[in-house]
C-alpha atoms as a PDB file:
ATOM      1  CA  UNK A   1      23.148  27.492  10.161  1.00  0.00           C
ATOM      2  CA  UNK A   2      21.849  27.969   6.676  1.00  0.00           C
ATOM      3  CA  UNK A   3      18.302  27.031   5.866  1.00  0.00           C
ATOM      4  CA  UNK A   4      18.284  28.257   2.286  1.00  0.00           C
ATOM      5  CA  UNK A   5      18.096  24.730   0.850  1.00  0.00           C
ATOM      6  CA  UNK A   6      15.300  23.767   3.225  1.00  0.00           C
ATOM      7  CA  UNK A   7      13.476  27.018   2.513  1.00  0.00           C
ATOM      8  CA  UNK A   8      13.541  26.319  -1.224  1.00  0.00           C
ATOM      9  CA  UNK A   9      12.116  22.840  -0.665  1.00  0.00           C
ATOM     10  CA  UNK A  10       9.314  24.189   1.541  1.00  0.00           C
ATOM     11  CA  UNK A  11       8.457  26.874  -1.026  1.00  0.00           C
ATOM     12  CA  UNK A  12       8.427  24.288  -3.834  1.00  0.00           C
ATOM     13  CA  UNK A  13       6.153  21.997  -1.799  1.00  0.00           C
ATOM     14  CA  UNK A  14       3.829  24.919  -1.085  1.00  0.00           C
ATOM     15  CA  UNK A  15       3.582  25.778  -4.776  1.00  0.00           C
ATOM     16  CA  UNK A  16       2.984  22.122  -5.591  1.00  0.00           C
ATOM     17  CA  UNK A  17       0.172  21.947  -3.006  1.00  0.00           C
ATOM     18  CA  UNK A  18      -1.460  25.056  -4.484  1.00  0.00           C
ATOM     19  CA  UNK A  19      -1.341  23.532  -7.971  1.00  0.00           C
ATOM     20  CA  UNK A  20      -2.722  20.185  -6.772  1.00  0.00           C
ATOM     21  CA  UNK A  21      -5.498  21.969  -4.860  1.00  0.00           C
ATOM     22  CA  UNK A  22      -6.456  24.024  -7.901  1.00  0.00           C
ATOM     23  CA  UNK A  23      -6.551  20.925 -10.119  1.00  0.00           C
ATOM     24  CA  UNK A  24      -8.691  19.077  -7.562  1.00  0.00           C
ATOM     25  CA  UNK A  25     -11.064  22.047  -7.361  1.00  0.00           C
ATOM     26  CA  UNK A  26     -11.414  22.138 -11.144  1.00  0.00           C
ATOM     27  CA  UNK A  27     -11.969  18.374 -11.357  1.00  0.00           C
ATOM     28  CA  UNK A  28     -14.657  18.416  -8.667  1.00  0.00           C
ATOM     29  CA  UNK A  29     -16.365  21.385 -10.353  1.00  0.00           C
ATOM     30  CA  UNK A  30     -16.721  19.452 -13.605  1.00  0.00           C
ATOM     31  CA  UNK A  31     -17.780  16.145 -12.058  1.00  0.00           C
ATOM     32  CA  UNK A  32     -14.507  14.156 -12.096  1.00  0.00           C
ATOM     33  CA  UNK A  33     -14.170  12.520  -8.686  1.00  0.00           C
ATOM     34  CA  UNK A  34     -11.484   9.939  -9.257  1.00  0.00           C
ATOM     35  CA  UNK A  35     -10.486   7.027 -11.401  1.00  0.00           C
ATOM     36  CA  UNK A  36     -12.370   4.153  -9.716  1.00  0.00           C
ATOM     37  CA  UNK A  37     -10.123   1.419 -11.059  1.00  0.00           C
ATOM     38  CA  UNK A  38     -10.714  -2.302 -10.482  1.00  0.00           C
ATOM     39  CA  UNK A  39      -9.244  -3.123  -7.085  1.00  0.00           C
ATOM     40  CA  UNK A  40     -10.332   0.136  -5.463  1.00  0.00           C
ATOM     41  CA  UNK A  41     -12.567  -0.444  -2.452  1.00  0.00           C
ATOM     42  CA  UNK A  42     -15.979   1.243  -2.392  1.00  0.00           C
ATOM     43  CA  UNK A  43     -18.467   0.588   0.416  1.00  0.00           C
ATOM     44  CA  UNK A  44     -21.813   2.382   0.342  1.00  0.00           C
ATOM     45  CA  UNK A  45     -24.404   2.136   3.093  1.00  0.00           C
ATOM     46  CA  UNK A  46     -27.538   4.210   3.682  1.00  0.00           C
ATOM     47  CA  UNK A  47     -25.804   7.381   4.866  1.00  0.00           C
ATOM     48  CA  UNK A  48     -22.157   6.301   4.768  1.00  0.00           C
ATOM     49  CA  UNK A  49     -19.685   6.009   1.899  1.00  0.00           C
ATOM     50  CA  UNK A  50     -16.131   4.680   2.215  1.00  0.00           C
ATOM     51  CA  UNK A  51     -13.761   4.794  -0.744  1.00  0.00           C
ATOM     52  CA  UNK A  52     -10.196   3.473  -0.518  1.00  0.00           C
ATOM     53  CA  UNK A  53      -8.288   3.701  -3.844  1.00  0.00           C
ATOM     54  CA  UNK A  54      -5.868   0.773  -3.454  1.00  0.00           C
ATOM     55  CA  UNK A  55      -5.098   0.272  -7.148  1.00  0.00           C
ATOM     56  CA  UNK A  56      -4.949   4.000  -7.841  1.00  0.00           C
ATOM     57  CA  UNK A  57      -2.481   4.490  -4.985  1.00  0.00           C
ATOM     58  CA  UNK A  58      -0.255   1.674  -6.266  1.00  0.00           C
ATOM     59  CA  UNK A  59      -0.223   3.110  -9.808  1.00  0.00           C
ATOM     60  CA  UNK A  60       0.555   6.628  -8.557  1.00  0.00           C
ATOM     61  CA  UNK A  61       3.319   5.217  -6.349  1.00  0.00           C
ATOM     62  CA  UNK A  62       4.905   3.391  -9.288  1.00  0.00           C
ATOM     63  CA  UNK A  63       4.703   6.485 -11.514  1.00  0.00           C
ATOM     64  CA  UNK A  64       6.248   8.716  -8.841  1.00  0.00           C
ATOM     65  CA  UNK A  65       9.018   6.175  -8.174  1.00  0.00           C
ATOM     66  CA  UNK A  66       9.918   6.066 -11.863  1.00  0.00           C
ATOM     67  CA  UNK A  67       9.783   9.876 -12.108  1.00  0.00           C
ATOM     68  CA  UNK A  68      11.967  10.454  -9.044  1.00  0.00           C
ATOM     69  CA  UNK A  69      14.477   7.810 -10.175  1.00  0.00           C
ATOM     70  CA  UNK A  70      14.678   9.494 -13.556  1.00  0.00           C
ATOM     71  CA  UNK A  71      15.212  12.912 -11.958  1.00  0.00           C
ATOM     72  CA  UNK A  72      17.796  11.691  -9.454  1.00  0.00           C
ATOM     73  CA  UNK A  73      19.959   9.989 -12.107  1.00  0.00           C
ATOM     74  CA  UNK A  74      20.581  13.226 -13.977  1.00  0.00           C
END
């Protein structure tokens, strides 16, 4: 069995995770904690905060779908 194709995918995903982690670290260092679009759910109690980015997730999903469709058609 050859796993060279799978190995390349795993390496690419690892690099992507490192880049995303670094960007998140930089954003949190400079005070950017998300988009907070209308439709995102934010519940704050005394010592409890729940944030569920519904609209943000939908927008990211649409953007990724368009990007992957563009890449796969080449």
